[in-house]
Amino acid sequence: MYHVSFDAQQPELRWQAQEVVREVDHRPHLLVRLAVQGGYFPHRAAVPFVRIIAGGRTVTEAWFTEITGDSSALMAYFATDLPADGIIEFGYEEQVLGRVPAVFDGKQIQRLDRKRLPVEVIETTSEYLREKRR
């Protein structure tokens, strides 16, 4: 169970998502980078989380996250097979700090042309992450 620490609906918050190739464990991985912008995202000792909620439950959570140097954006890296829609929620540990008012829409992800990617790029799917976490 988690709790929301304040009025989590912040109308200025927005999101955008695009596929990127990012080196993880010295190998290139295809991921979806979801950027939450329009707020202030403080650097803390705890690592922030970003997750997508649908039907009142978490359907996916970012593999890892980063905050930009100027604290203006929270970058979350997800598997490429994200759900079709949901609510984007973020925070630290079990404390939810906010929700993005605009509903997440998987059709709005800017996708890369798979045919143009080098063969060594690993497509990071939900199944790949489940196996990696074992």
C-alpha atoms as a PDB file:
ATOM      1  CA  MET A   1       0.000   0.000   0.000  1.00  0.00           C
ATOM      2  CA  TYR A   2       1.186   3.516  -0.688  1.00  0.00           C
ATOM      3  CA  HIS A   3      -0.021   6.976   0.137  1.00  0.00           C
ATOM      4  CA  VAL A   4      -0.096  10.281  -1.675  1.00  0.00           C
ATOM      5  CA  SER A   5       1.665  13.018   0.277  1.00  0.00           C
ATOM      6  CA  PHE A   6      -0.160  16.038  -1.169  1.00  0.00           C
ATOM      7  CA  ASP A   7      -2.578  17.028  -3.920  1.00  0.00           C
ATOM      8  CA  ALA A   8      -1.015  14.780  -6.543  1.00  0.00           C
ATOM      9  CA  GLN A   9      -2.915  16.278  -9.489  1.00  0.00           C
ATOM     10  CA  GLN A  10      -0.574  18.917 -10.870  1.00  0.00           C
ATOM     11  CA  PRO A  11      -1.973  20.432 -14.083  1.00  0.00           C
ATOM     12  CA  GLU A  12       1.401  21.729 -15.265  1.00  0.00           C
ATOM     13  CA  LEU A  13       2.900  18.245 -15.392  1.00  0.00           C
ATOM     14  CA  ARG A  14       3.179  16.636 -18.804  1.00  0.00           C
ATOM     15  CA  TRP A  15       4.844  13.584 -20.312  1.00  0.00           C
ATOM     16  CA  GLN A  16       6.456  12.491 -23.527  1.00  0.00           C
ATOM     17  CA  ALA A  17       7.878   9.112 -24.466  1.00  0.00           C
ATOM     18  CA  GLN A  18      10.282   7.863 -27.085  1.00  0.00           C
ATOM     19  CA  GLU A  19      12.365   4.804 -27.735  1.00  0.00           C
ATOM     20  CA  VAL A  20      16.077   5.234 -27.131  1.00  0.00           C
ATOM     21  CA  VAL A  21      19.144   3.038 -27.203  1.00  0.00           C
ATOM     22  CA  ARG A  22      20.938   3.209 -23.873  1.00  0.00           C
ATOM     23  CA  GLU A  23      23.987   1.309 -22.687  1.00  0.00           C
ATOM     24  CA  VAL A  24      23.200  -0.849 -19.649  1.00  0.00           C
ATOM     25  CA  ASP A  25      25.726  -3.350 -18.266  1.00  0.00           C
ATOM     26  CA  HIS A  26      28.066  -2.476 -21.160  1.00  0.00           C
ATOM     27  CA  ARG A  27      25.516  -3.516 -23.802  1.00  0.00           C
ATOM     28  CA  PRO A  28      23.100  -1.430 -25.897  1.00  0.00           C
ATOM     29  CA  HIS A  29      19.443  -1.789 -24.893  1.00  0.00           C
ATOM     30  CA  LEU A  30      16.332  -0.500 -26.622  1.00  0.00           C
ATOM     31  CA  LEU A  31      14.120   1.169 -24.008  1.00  0.00           C
ATOM     32  CA  VAL A  32      11.261   3.630 -23.781  1.00  0.00           C
ATOM     33  CA  ARG A  33      12.329   6.851 -22.084  1.00  0.00           C
ATOM     34  CA  LEU A  34       9.341   8.540 -20.495  1.00  0.00           C
ATOM     35  CA  ALA A  35      10.043  12.130 -19.456  1.00  0.00           C
ATOM     36  CA  VAL A  36       7.859  13.805 -16.838  1.00  0.00           C
ATOM     37  CA  GLN A  37       8.260  17.576 -17.072  1.00  0.00           C
ATOM     38  CA  GLY A  38       6.639  20.728 -15.763  1.00  0.00           C
ATOM     39  CA  GLY A  39       7.578  20.445 -12.122  1.00  0.00           C
ATOM     40  CA  TYR A  40      10.549  20.436  -9.807  1.00  0.00           C
ATOM     41  CA  PHE A  41      12.044  17.007  -9.114  1.00  0.00           C
ATOM     42  CA  PRO A  42      14.466  17.170  -6.180  1.00  0.00           C
ATOM     43  CA  HIS A  43      17.573  15.019  -5.974  1.00  0.00           C
ATOM     44  CA  ARG A  44      17.353  12.834  -2.872  1.00  0.00           C
ATOM     45  CA  ALA A  45      19.240   9.934  -1.392  1.00  0.00           C
ATOM     46  CA  ALA A  46      16.368   7.622  -2.398  1.00  0.00           C
ATOM     47  CA  VAL A  47      15.947   6.688  -6.047  1.00  0.00           C
ATOM     48  CA  PRO A  48      12.685   8.007  -7.531  1.00  0.00           C
ATOM     49  CA  PHE A  49      10.137   5.637  -9.022  1.00  0.00           C
ATOM     50  CA  VAL A  50       7.803   6.091 -11.965  1.00  0.00           C
ATOM     51  CA  ARG A  51       5.000   3.655 -12.611  1.00  0.00           C
ATOM     52  CA  ILE A  52       1.896   3.311 -14.720  1.00  0.00           C
ATOM     53  CA  ILE A  53      -1.361   2.579 -12.927  1.00  0.00           C
ATOM     54  CA  ALA A  54      -4.425   1.052 -14.605  1.00  0.00           C
ATOM     55  CA  GLY A  55      -7.526  -0.354 -12.994  1.00  0.00           C
ATOM     56  CA  GLY A  56      -6.312   0.800  -9.584  1.00  0.00           C
ATOM     57  CA  ARG A  57      -3.086  -1.234  -9.672  1.00  0.00           C
ATOM     58  CA  THR A  58       0.480  -0.864 -10.871  1.00  0.00           C
ATOM     59  CA  VAL A  59       0.817  -2.456 -14.305  1.00  0.00           C
ATOM     60  CA  THR A  60       4.453  -1.532 -14.897  1.00  0.00           C
ATOM     61  CA  GLU A  61       7.295   0.272 -13.189  1.00  0.00           C
ATOM     62  CA  ALA A  62      10.389   1.870 -14.696  1.00  0.00           C
ATOM     63  CA  TRP A  63      13.543  -0.245 -14.751  1.00  0.00           C
ATOM     64  CA  PHE A  64      15.540   2.801 -13.660  1.00  0.00           C
ATOM     65  CA  THR A  65      15.109   6.561 -13.373  1.00  0.00           C
ATOM     66  CA  GLU A  66      17.169   9.750 -13.486  1.00  0.00           C
ATOM     67  CA  ILE A  67      16.561  13.364 -12.611  1.00  0.00           C
ATOM     68  CA  THR A  68      18.025  15.985 -14.927  1.00  0.00           C
ATOM     69  CA  GLY A  69      20.831  18.164 -13.536  1.00  0.00           C
ATOM     70  CA  ASP A  70      18.531  21.180 -13.223  1.00  0.00           C
ATOM     71  CA  SER A  71      15.753  19.089 -11.562  1.00  0.00           C
ATOM     72  CA  SER A  72      13.284  20.087 -14.306  1.00  0.00           C
ATOM     73  CA  ALA A  73      12.516  16.550 -15.535  1.00  0.00           C
ATOM     74  CA  LEU A  74      12.248  13.020 -14.247  1.00  0.00           C
ATOM     75  CA  MET A  75      13.404  10.481 -16.838  1.00  0.00           C
ATOM     76  CA  ALA A  76      12.099   6.936 -16.494  1.00  0.00           C
ATOM     77  CA  TYR A  77      13.283   3.991 -18.587  1.00  0.00           C
ATOM     78  CA  PHE A  78      10.731   1.270 -19.302  1.00  0.00           C
ATOM     79  CA  ALA A  79      10.507  -1.953 -21.292  1.00  0.00           C
ATOM     80  CA  THR A  80       9.330  -1.360 -24.859  1.00  0.00           C
ATOM     81  CA  ASP A  81       6.042  -3.262 -24.396  1.00  0.00           C
ATOM     82  CA  LEU A  82       4.233  -0.703 -22.268  1.00  0.00           C
ATOM     83  CA  PRO A  83       0.486  -0.898 -21.605  1.00  0.00           C
ATOM     84  CA  ALA A  84      -1.910   0.849 -23.984  1.00  0.00           C
ATOM     85  CA  ASP A  85      -2.922   3.444 -21.399  1.00  0.00           C
ATOM     86  CA  GLY A  86      -2.867   4.356 -17.733  1.00  0.00           C
ATOM     87  CA  ILE A  87      -1.970   6.996 -15.173  1.00  0.00           C
ATOM     88  CA  ILE A  88       1.676   8.010 -14.670  1.00  0.00           C
ATOM     89  CA  GLU A  89       2.589   8.216 -11.000  1.00  0.00           C
ATOM     90  CA  PHE A  90       5.945   9.094  -9.409  1.00  0.00           C
ATOM     91  CA  GLY A  91       7.599   9.491  -6.041  1.00  0.00           C
ATOM     92  CA  TYR A  92      10.282   8.177  -3.708  1.00  0.00           C
ATOM     93  CA  GLU A  93      10.198   4.867  -1.811  1.00  0.00           C
ATOM     94  CA  GLU A  94       6.496   4.371  -0.851  1.00  0.00           C
ATOM     95  CA  GLN A  95       5.600   8.069  -1.000  1.00  0.00           C
ATOM     96  CA  VAL A  96       3.718   9.157  -4.116  1.00  0.00           C
ATOM     97  CA  LEU A  97       4.583  12.759  -4.943  1.00  0.00           C
ATOM     98  CA  GLY A  98       2.417  13.227  -7.991  1.00  0.00           C
ATOM     99  CA  ARG A  99       0.414  12.022 -10.932  1.00  0.00           C
ATOM    100  CA  VAL A 100       0.520  13.406 -14.444  1.00  0.00           C
ATOM    101  CA  PRO A 101      -2.964  14.671 -15.375  1.00  0.00           C
ATOM    102  CA  ALA A 102      -2.666  13.661 -19.049  1.00  0.00           C
ATOM    103  CA  VAL A 103      -3.400   9.944 -19.391  1.00  0.00           C
ATOM    104  CA  PHE A 104      -0.539   7.820 -20.712  1.00  0.00           C
ATOM    105  CA  ASP A 105      -1.271   6.670 -24.263  1.00  0.00           C
ATOM    106  CA  GLY A 106       1.052   4.016 -25.672  1.00  0.00           C
ATOM    107  CA  LYS A 107       0.244   5.114 -29.222  1.00  0.00           C
ATOM    108  CA  GLN A 108       2.033   8.412 -28.562  1.00  0.00           C
ATOM    109  CA  ILE A 109       5.429   6.771 -27.999  1.00  0.00           C
ATOM    110  CA  GLN A 110       7.878   7.842 -30.707  1.00  0.00           C
ATOM    111  CA  ARG A 111       9.230   4.504 -31.948  1.00  0.00           C
ATOM    112  CA  LEU A 112      12.578   3.839 -33.624  1.00  0.00           C
ATOM    113  CA  ASP A 113      12.818   1.946 -36.911  1.00  0.00           C
ATOM    114  CA  ARG A 114      13.820  -1.559 -35.776  1.00  0.00           C
ATOM    115  CA  LYS A 115      15.351  -2.318 -39.197  1.00  0.00           C
ATOM    116  CA  ARG A 116      17.902   0.458 -38.737  1.00  0.00           C
ATOM    117  CA  LEU A 117      19.111  -0.683 -35.307  1.00  0.00           C
ATOM    118  CA  PRO A 118      22.385  -2.599 -35.023  1.00  0.00           C
ATOM    119  CA  VAL A 119      21.905  -6.336 -34.408  1.00  0.00           C
ATOM    120  CA  GLU A 120      23.624  -6.144 -31.001  1.00  0.00           C
ATOM    121  CA  VAL A 121      20.868  -3.935 -29.547  1.00  0.00           C
ATOM    122  CA  ILE A 122      18.816  -5.838 -26.975  1.00  0.00           C
ATOM    123  CA  GLU A 123      15.105  -5.078 -27.069  1.00  0.00           C
ATOM    124  CA  THR A 124      14.168  -4.672 -23.448  1.00  0.00           C
ATOM    125  CA  THR A 125      10.753  -6.279 -23.009  1.00  0.00           C
ATOM    126  CA  SER A 126       8.837  -7.030 -19.819  1.00  0.00           C
ATOM    127  CA  GLU A 127       9.852 -10.689 -20.178  1.00  0.00           C
ATOM    128  CA  TYR A 128      13.522  -9.698 -20.513  1.00  0.00           C
ATOM    129  CA  LEU A 129      13.299  -7.672 -17.289  1.00  0.00           C
ATOM    130  CA  ARG A 130      11.536 -10.522 -15.420  1.00  0.00           C
ATOM    131  CA  GLU A 131      14.364 -12.874 -16.413  1.00  0.00           C
ATOM    132  CA  LYS A 132      17.014 -10.324 -15.469  1.00  0.00           C
ATOM    133  CA  ARG A 133      15.520  -9.836 -11.986  1.00  0.00           C
ATOM    134  CA  ARG A 134      15.605 -13.583 -11.196  1.00  0.00           C
END
